[in-house]
Amino acid sequence: MLEIDKIQIEVIKLSENKIRLDYNAPIICEEKEIETIKVRVRYKLDASDGVYKMIYPKDHFLNLISNRMRVKKKFIHYGEIFAPTWTGTYTIGTNKHFELDGIKFNNFIKSIHISDTKWYKTWNREQQLNELLK
C-alpha cells in the first residue's frame, strides 16, 4: 500500500504492459465530502517514454454513481491531478507525470466532483432528516 495525499493506493500488475491502481476516492459537492467510493483505474505502458498512460473508466462507472446518488451524469466530473490536453486526434494526455513506487504515471483521479447545487440542497436536506428520524 502506497499513499498520495492520504489516499492509500494498491498497485496491481495486470500484465507486462498494464497496471491497475485500487483506492478509495472521495465524492465531493460544494467543497464538502459526501462519501468515498472504490476506484480502480487501469494504466497502459507507453514504450516510447516509459510512462504509464491512464485508461479512463468506462461510462458504466459514472452511470453507477449517477444511479446510486440520483444525480444527472452530466454533473459528475473527475478531479484529476493534471488537467487533460489534446495531444492527438484520438488520445487525451498530459505533458506531466508523477512517480509512485518508482513507476511513472501520466494522471490520477483524486476525487469525483458533483456540480449540481440544486441536487446537493435536496440531498443534504434528506440526509439531515434521516439523521433526525434515527
N, C-alpha and C. Protein backbone atom coordinates (compact mmCIF):
# COMPACT_ATOMS: atom_id res chain seq x y z
N MET A 1 0.84 -1.19 0.00
CA MET A 1 0.00 0.00 0.00
C MET A 1 0.88 1.25 0.00
N LEU A 2 0.59 2.15 -0.91
CA LEU A 2 1.29 3.42 -1.01
C LEU A 2 0.31 4.54 -0.73
N GLU A 3 0.82 5.75 -0.52
CA GLU A 3 -0.07 6.88 -0.22
C GLU A 3 0.26 8.09 -1.06
N ILE A 4 -0.79 8.76 -1.54
CA ILE A 4 -0.69 10.08 -2.17
C ILE A 4 -1.75 10.93 -1.51
N ASP A 5 -1.34 12.00 -0.86
CA ASP A 5 -2.28 12.90 -0.17
C ASP A 5 -3.27 12.14 0.70
N LYS A 6 -2.76 11.23 1.53
CA LYS A 6 -3.55 10.44 2.48
C LYS A 6 -4.51 9.45 1.82
N ILE A 7 -4.30 9.16 0.54
CA ILE A 7 -5.09 8.14 -0.17
C ILE A 7 -4.23 6.88 -0.25
N GLN A 8 -4.69 5.79 0.32
CA GLN A 8 -3.94 4.55 0.27
C GLN A 8 -4.19 3.87 -1.07
N ILE A 9 -3.10 3.57 -1.76
CA ILE A 9 -3.18 3.02 -3.11
C ILE A 9 -2.54 1.65 -3.16
N GLU A 10 -3.25 0.72 -3.78
CA GLU A 10 -2.72 -0.62 -4.01
C GLU A 10 -2.39 -0.75 -5.48
N VAL A 11 -1.14 -1.11 -5.79
CA VAL A 11 -0.68 -1.28 -7.17
C VAL A 11 -0.77 -2.75 -7.53
N ILE A 12 -1.51 -3.06 -8.60
CA ILE A 12 -1.70 -4.44 -9.06
C ILE A 12 -1.21 -4.55 -10.50
N LYS A 13 -0.30 -5.47 -10.73
CA LYS A 13 0.24 -5.67 -12.07
C LYS A 13 -0.69 -6.63 -12.81
N LEU A 14 -1.27 -6.16 -13.92
CA LEU A 14 -2.21 -6.97 -14.70
C LEU A 14 -1.49 -7.77 -15.78
N SER A 15 -0.48 -7.18 -16.40
CA SER A 15 0.30 -7.86 -17.43
C SER A 15 1.63 -7.13 -17.55
N GLU A 16 2.40 -7.46 -18.57
CA GLU A 16 3.68 -6.79 -18.79
C GLU A 16 3.52 -5.30 -19.05
N ASN A 17 2.40 -4.92 -19.69
CA ASN A 17 2.20 -3.53 -20.09
C ASN A 17 1.08 -2.82 -19.35
N LYS A 18 0.39 -3.49 -18.44
CA LYS A 18 -0.74 -2.86 -17.77
C LYS A 18 -0.63 -2.98 -16.26
N ILE A 19 -1.04 -1.89 -15.59
CA ILE A 19 -1.08 -1.82 -14.14
C ILE A 19 -2.43 -1.24 -13.74
N ARG A 20 -2.93 -1.67 -12.57
CA ARG A 20 -4.17 -1.11 -12.04
C ARG A 20 -3.91 -0.55 -10.65
N LEU A 21 -4.48 0.63 -10.39
CA LEU A 21 -4.41 1.23 -9.06
C LEU A 21 -5.78 1.11 -8.42
N ASP A 22 -5.84 0.54 -7.22
CA ASP A 22 -7.09 0.41 -6.46
C ASP A 22 -6.99 1.33 -5.24
N TYR A 23 -8.01 2.15 -5.03
CA TYR A 23 -8.02 3.07 -3.90
C TYR A 23 -9.43 3.61 -3.68
N ASN A 24 -9.64 4.30 -2.59
CA ASN A 24 -10.92 4.95 -2.29
C ASN A 24 -10.78 6.44 -2.58
N ALA A 25 -11.70 6.97 -3.38
CA ALA A 25 -11.69 8.39 -3.73
C ALA A 25 -12.95 9.05 -3.17
N PRO A 26 -12.82 10.29 -2.70
CA PRO A 26 -14.00 10.97 -2.16
C PRO A 26 -14.91 11.51 -3.27
N ILE A 27 -16.20 11.53 -2.99
CA ILE A 27 -17.17 12.21 -3.85
C ILE A 27 -17.42 13.56 -3.19
N ILE A 28 -17.21 14.63 -3.95
CA ILE A 28 -17.25 15.99 -3.39
C ILE A 28 -18.32 16.81 -4.11
N CYS A 29 -19.08 17.58 -3.31
CA CYS A 29 -20.04 18.53 -3.87
C CYS A 29 -19.99 19.78 -3.00
N GLU A 30 -19.88 20.92 -3.63
CA GLU A 30 -19.78 22.21 -2.94
C GLU A 30 -18.70 22.19 -1.86
N GLU A 31 -17.55 21.63 -2.22
CA GLU A 31 -16.37 21.56 -1.36
C GLU A 31 -16.60 20.77 -0.07
N LYS A 32 -17.60 19.90 -0.06
CA LYS A 32 -17.86 19.03 1.08
C LYS A 32 -17.78 17.58 0.61
N GLU A 33 -17.11 16.76 1.40
CA GLU A 33 -17.00 15.35 1.06
C GLU A 33 -18.29 14.64 1.45
N ILE A 34 -18.96 14.05 0.47
CA ILE A 34 -20.23 13.36 0.70
C ILE A 34 -19.97 11.93 1.17
N GLU A 35 -19.15 11.21 0.44
CA GLU A 35 -18.80 9.83 0.78
C GLU A 35 -17.58 9.43 -0.01
N THR A 36 -17.11 8.21 0.19
CA THR A 36 -15.99 7.70 -0.60
C THR A 36 -16.46 6.52 -1.43
N ILE A 37 -15.76 6.30 -2.53
CA ILE A 37 -16.12 5.23 -3.45
C ILE A 37 -14.85 4.50 -3.88
N LYS A 38 -14.96 3.21 -4.07
CA LYS A 38 -13.83 2.39 -4.51
C LYS A 38 -13.58 2.65 -5.99
N VAL A 39 -12.34 3.00 -6.33
CA VAL A 39 -11.98 3.31 -7.72
C VAL A 39 -10.86 2.37 -8.15
N ARG A 40 -11.01 1.86 -9.36
CA ARG A 40 -9.98 1.02 -9.98
C ARG A 40 -9.64 1.64 -11.33
N VAL A 41 -8.44 2.15 -11.44
CA VAL A 41 -8.02 2.82 -12.67
C VAL A 41 -6.88 2.01 -13.30
N ARG A 42 -7.05 1.72 -14.59
CA ARG A 42 -6.03 0.97 -15.32
C ARG A 42 -5.09 1.92 -16.05
N TYR A 43 -3.85 1.47 -16.22
CA TYR A 43 -2.83 2.22 -16.94
C TYR A 43 -2.14 1.30 -17.92
N LYS A 44 -1.79 1.85 -19.08
CA LYS A 44 -1.08 1.07 -20.10
C LYS A 44 0.26 1.74 -20.35
N LEU A 45 1.31 0.94 -20.45
CA LEU A 45 2.66 1.44 -20.64
C LEU A 45 2.84 1.98 -22.05
N ASP A 46 3.37 3.20 -22.13
CA ASP A 46 3.75 3.78 -23.41
C ASP A 46 5.24 3.54 -23.56
N ALA A 47 5.61 2.63 -24.45
CA ALA A 47 7.00 2.21 -24.58
C ALA A 47 7.92 3.34 -25.05
N SER A 48 7.37 4.34 -25.71
CA SER A 48 8.22 5.41 -26.23
C SER A 48 8.84 6.27 -25.14
N ASP A 49 8.10 6.53 -24.04
CA ASP A 49 8.66 7.36 -22.98
C ASP A 49 8.69 6.68 -21.62
N GLY A 50 8.19 5.45 -21.50
CA GLY A 50 8.24 4.71 -20.25
C GLY A 50 7.26 5.18 -19.20
N VAL A 51 6.23 5.91 -19.60
CA VAL A 51 5.21 6.42 -18.68
C VAL A 51 3.93 5.62 -18.89
N TYR A 52 3.28 5.23 -17.78
CA TYR A 52 2.01 4.54 -17.87
C TYR A 52 0.90 5.57 -18.10
N LYS A 53 0.13 5.39 -19.17
CA LYS A 53 -0.96 6.31 -19.54
C LYS A 53 -2.27 5.79 -18.96
N MET A 54 -3.06 6.71 -18.40
CA MET A 54 -4.32 6.33 -17.77
C MET A 54 -5.36 5.96 -18.81
N ILE A 55 -6.07 4.85 -18.55
CA ILE A 55 -7.23 4.46 -19.34
C ILE A 55 -8.43 4.88 -18.50
N TYR A 56 -9.17 5.87 -18.95
CA TYR A 56 -10.29 6.40 -18.17
C TYR A 56 -11.33 5.32 -17.94
N PRO A 57 -11.97 5.33 -16.76
CA PRO A 57 -13.04 4.35 -16.51
C PRO A 57 -14.16 4.48 -17.55
N LYS A 58 -14.83 3.38 -17.81
CA LYS A 58 -15.91 3.37 -18.79
C LYS A 58 -17.10 4.18 -18.27
N ASP A 59 -18.01 4.51 -19.16
CA ASP A 59 -19.21 5.27 -18.80
C ASP A 59 -20.04 4.55 -17.75
N HIS A 60 -19.93 3.24 -17.71
CA HIS A 60 -20.69 2.45 -16.74
C HIS A 60 -20.38 2.90 -15.30
N PHE A 61 -19.13 3.27 -15.05
CA PHE A 61 -18.73 3.73 -13.72
C PHE A 61 -19.49 5.00 -13.33
N LEU A 62 -19.57 5.96 -14.24
CA LEU A 62 -20.32 7.19 -13.97
C LEU A 62 -21.82 6.91 -13.88
N ASN A 63 -22.31 5.95 -14.66
CA ASN A 63 -23.73 5.57 -14.58
C ASN A 63 -24.07 5.00 -13.20
N LEU A 64 -23.18 4.20 -12.64
CA LEU A 64 -23.41 3.64 -11.31
C LEU A 64 -23.50 4.75 -10.26
N ILE A 65 -22.59 5.71 -10.34
CA ILE A 65 -22.61 6.84 -9.39
C ILE A 65 -23.88 7.65 -9.58
N SER A 66 -24.24 7.90 -10.83
CA SER A 66 -25.44 8.68 -11.14
C SER A 66 -26.69 8.01 -10.58
N ASN A 67 -26.81 6.71 -10.79
CA ASN A 67 -28.00 5.99 -10.31
C ASN A 67 -28.04 5.90 -8.79
N ARG A 68 -26.90 5.63 -8.18
CA ARG A 68 -26.87 5.49 -6.73
C ARG A 68 -27.12 6.81 -6.01
N MET A 69 -26.56 7.90 -6.54
CA MET A 69 -26.68 9.21 -5.89
C MET A 69 -27.92 9.98 -6.38
N ARG A 70 -28.55 9.49 -7.44
CA ARG A 70 -29.73 10.15 -8.03
C ARG A 70 -29.40 11.56 -8.51
N VAL A 71 -28.28 11.66 -9.24
CA VAL A 71 -27.87 12.93 -9.83
C VAL A 71 -27.60 12.68 -11.32
N LYS A 72 -27.86 13.68 -12.14
CA LYS A 72 -27.65 13.52 -13.58
C LYS A 72 -26.16 13.36 -13.88
N LYS A 73 -25.87 12.50 -14.83
CA LYS A 73 -24.49 12.17 -15.18
C LYS A 73 -23.70 13.37 -15.70
N LYS A 74 -24.37 14.32 -16.32
CA LYS A 74 -23.66 15.47 -16.87
C LYS A 74 -23.06 16.36 -15.78
N PHE A 75 -23.48 16.18 -14.53
CA PHE A 75 -22.95 16.97 -13.42
C PHE A 75 -21.81 16.26 -12.68
N ILE A 76 -21.42 15.08 -13.12
CA ILE A 76 -20.36 14.32 -12.45
C ILE A 76 -19.07 14.47 -13.25
N HIS A 77 -17.98 14.85 -12.54
CA HIS A 77 -16.69 15.09 -13.19
C HIS A 77 -15.58 14.46 -12.37
N TYR A 78 -14.48 14.15 -13.04
CA TYR A 78 -13.30 13.61 -12.37
C TYR A 78 -12.44 14.76 -11.87
N GLY A 79 -11.93 14.63 -10.65
CA GLY A 79 -10.95 15.57 -10.12
C GLY A 79 -9.58 14.97 -10.29
N GLU A 80 -8.85 15.42 -11.31
CA GLU A 80 -7.57 14.82 -11.67
C GLU A 80 -6.41 15.69 -11.19
N ILE A 81 -5.25 15.07 -11.09
CA ILE A 81 -4.05 15.83 -10.73
C ILE A 81 -3.70 16.78 -11.86
N PHE A 82 -3.63 16.27 -13.07
CA PHE A 82 -3.28 17.08 -14.23
C PHE A 82 -4.49 17.16 -15.15
N ALA A 83 -4.85 18.36 -15.55
CA ALA A 83 -5.97 18.52 -16.49
C ALA A 83 -5.55 17.95 -17.84
N PRO A 84 -6.42 17.19 -18.49
CA PRO A 84 -6.04 16.59 -19.78
C PRO A 84 -5.93 17.63 -20.89
N THR A 85 -5.04 17.35 -21.81
CA THR A 85 -4.89 18.19 -23.00
C THR A 85 -4.92 17.28 -24.22
N TRP A 86 -5.38 17.80 -25.31
CA TRP A 86 -5.43 17.01 -26.53
C TRP A 86 -4.04 16.95 -27.12
N THR A 87 -3.50 15.72 -27.27
CA THR A 87 -2.17 15.56 -27.86
C THR A 87 -2.24 14.97 -29.26
N GLY A 88 -3.40 14.59 -29.67
CA GLY A 88 -3.55 14.00 -30.99
C GLY A 88 -5.02 13.97 -31.35
N THR A 89 -5.35 13.25 -32.38
CA THR A 89 -6.72 13.19 -32.82
C THR A 89 -7.59 12.40 -31.86
N TYR A 90 -7.07 11.28 -31.35
CA TYR A 90 -7.90 10.41 -30.53
C TYR A 90 -7.41 10.24 -29.10
N THR A 91 -6.23 10.71 -28.78
CA THR A 91 -5.69 10.44 -27.45
C THR A 91 -5.75 11.68 -26.57
N ILE A 92 -6.06 11.45 -25.32
CA ILE A 92 -6.04 12.51 -24.32
C ILE A 92 -4.85 12.23 -23.43
N GLY A 93 -4.05 13.23 -23.15
CA GLY A 93 -2.91 13.02 -22.29
C GLY A 93 -2.45 14.31 -21.66
N THR A 94 -1.40 14.23 -20.88
CA THR A 94 -0.81 15.41 -20.28
C THR A 94 0.67 15.38 -20.58
N ASN A 95 1.28 16.51 -20.44
CA ASN A 95 2.72 16.58 -20.65
C ASN A 95 3.48 16.36 -19.35
N LYS A 96 2.76 16.15 -18.25
CA LYS A 96 3.36 15.97 -16.94
C LYS A 96 3.17 14.53 -16.49
N HIS A 97 3.90 14.16 -15.45
CA HIS A 97 3.72 12.84 -14.86
C HIS A 97 4.11 12.89 -13.39
N PHE A 98 3.69 11.87 -12.65
CA PHE A 98 4.10 11.72 -11.26
C PHE A 98 4.63 10.32 -11.06
N GLU A 99 5.40 10.13 -10.00
CA GLU A 99 6.02 8.85 -9.73
C GLU A 99 5.43 8.23 -8.48
N LEU A 100 5.19 6.94 -8.54
CA LEU A 100 4.66 6.19 -7.41
C LEU A 100 5.39 4.86 -7.38
N ASP A 101 6.16 4.63 -6.33
CA ASP A 101 6.91 3.38 -6.16
C ASP A 101 7.85 3.13 -7.35
N GLY A 102 8.45 4.20 -7.87
CA GLY A 102 9.39 4.08 -8.98
C GLY A 102 8.75 3.92 -10.34
N ILE A 103 7.43 3.98 -10.42
CA ILE A 103 6.70 3.85 -11.69
C ILE A 103 6.13 5.22 -12.04
N LYS A 104 6.28 5.62 -13.30
CA LYS A 104 5.78 6.93 -13.74
C LYS A 104 4.36 6.79 -14.31
N PHE A 105 3.45 7.66 -13.86
CA PHE A 105 2.07 7.69 -14.33
C PHE A 105 1.77 9.07 -14.88
N ASN A 106 0.91 9.15 -15.90
CA ASN A 106 0.62 10.46 -16.50
C ASN A 106 -0.52 11.20 -15.83
N ASN A 107 -1.40 10.51 -15.08
CA ASN A 107 -2.53 11.19 -14.44
C ASN A 107 -3.09 10.31 -13.34
N PHE A 108 -3.96 10.91 -12.51
CA PHE A 108 -4.52 10.20 -11.36
C PHE A 108 -5.84 10.86 -11.00
N ILE A 109 -6.88 10.07 -10.78
CA ILE A 109 -8.18 10.61 -10.38
C ILE A 109 -8.19 10.69 -8.85
N LYS A 110 -8.08 11.91 -8.31
CA LYS A 110 -8.04 12.10 -6.87
C LYS A 110 -9.42 12.08 -6.25
N SER A 111 -10.41 12.58 -7.00
CA SER A 111 -11.76 12.69 -6.45
C SER A 111 -12.77 12.74 -7.58
N ILE A 112 -14.04 12.66 -7.18
CA ILE A 112 -15.14 12.78 -8.13
C ILE A 112 -16.00 13.94 -7.65
N HIS A 113 -16.28 14.87 -8.57
CA HIS A 113 -17.00 16.09 -8.21
C HIS A 113 -18.41 16.09 -8.80
N ILE A 114 -19.36 16.55 -8.00
CA ILE A 114 -20.73 16.75 -8.47
C ILE A 114 -20.98 18.25 -8.45
N SER A 115 -21.38 18.80 -9.60
CA SER A 115 -21.50 20.25 -9.73
C SER A 115 -22.95 20.76 -9.73
N ASP A 116 -23.89 19.93 -9.32
CA ASP A 116 -25.30 20.33 -9.30
C ASP A 116 -25.68 20.84 -7.91
N THR A 117 -25.84 22.16 -7.75
CA THR A 117 -26.14 22.74 -6.43
C THR A 117 -27.58 22.45 -6.00
N LYS A 118 -28.51 22.39 -6.94
CA LYS A 118 -29.90 22.07 -6.58
C LYS A 118 -29.99 20.65 -6.03
N TRP A 119 -29.30 19.73 -6.68
CA TRP A 119 -29.29 18.35 -6.21
C TRP A 119 -28.71 18.30 -4.80
N TYR A 120 -27.62 19.03 -4.55
CA TYR A 120 -26.96 18.98 -3.24
C TYR A 120 -27.88 19.49 -2.13
N LYS A 121 -28.63 20.54 -2.40
CA LYS A 121 -29.56 21.06 -1.39
C LYS A 121 -30.58 20.00 -1.01
N THR A 122 -31.15 19.33 -2.01
CA THR A 122 -32.14 18.28 -1.76
C THR A 122 -31.50 17.10 -1.04
N TRP A 123 -30.34 16.67 -1.50
CA TRP A 123 -29.65 15.53 -0.89
C TRP A 123 -29.29 15.84 0.57
N ASN A 124 -28.78 17.03 0.82
CA ASN A 124 -28.39 17.42 2.17
C ASN A 124 -29.60 17.47 3.11
N ARG A 125 -30.71 18.00 2.61
CA ARG A 125 -31.93 18.06 3.40
C ARG A 125 -32.40 16.65 3.78
N GLU A 126 -32.39 15.74 2.82
CA GLU A 126 -32.80 14.36 3.08
C GLU A 126 -31.88 13.68 4.09
N GLN A 127 -30.58 13.93 3.99
CA GLN A 127 -29.63 13.34 4.93
C GLN A 127 -29.87 13.84 6.35
N GLN A 128 -30.13 15.13 6.47
CA GLN A 128 -30.38 15.68 7.80
C GLN A 128 -31.69 15.15 8.39
N LEU A 129 -32.72 15.00 7.55
CA LEU A 129 -33.98 14.43 8.03
C LEU A 129 -33.81 12.97 8.46
N ASN A 130 -33.03 12.22 7.69
CA ASN A 130 -32.78 10.82 8.05
C ASN A 130 -32.04 10.71 9.38
N GLU A 131 -31.12 11.62 9.63
CA GLU A 131 -30.39 11.63 10.90
C GLU A 131 -31.32 11.92 12.07
N LEU A 132 -32.27 12.84 11.86
CA LEU A 132 -33.21 13.18 12.92
C LEU A 132 -34.19 12.03 13.23
N LEU A 133 -34.54 11.28 12.19
CA LEU A 133 -35.51 10.20 12.37
C LEU A 133 -34.90 8.92 12.91
N LYS A 134 -33.60 8.86 13.05
CA LYS A 134 -32.95 7.64 13.57
C LYS A 134 -33.21 7.45 15.02
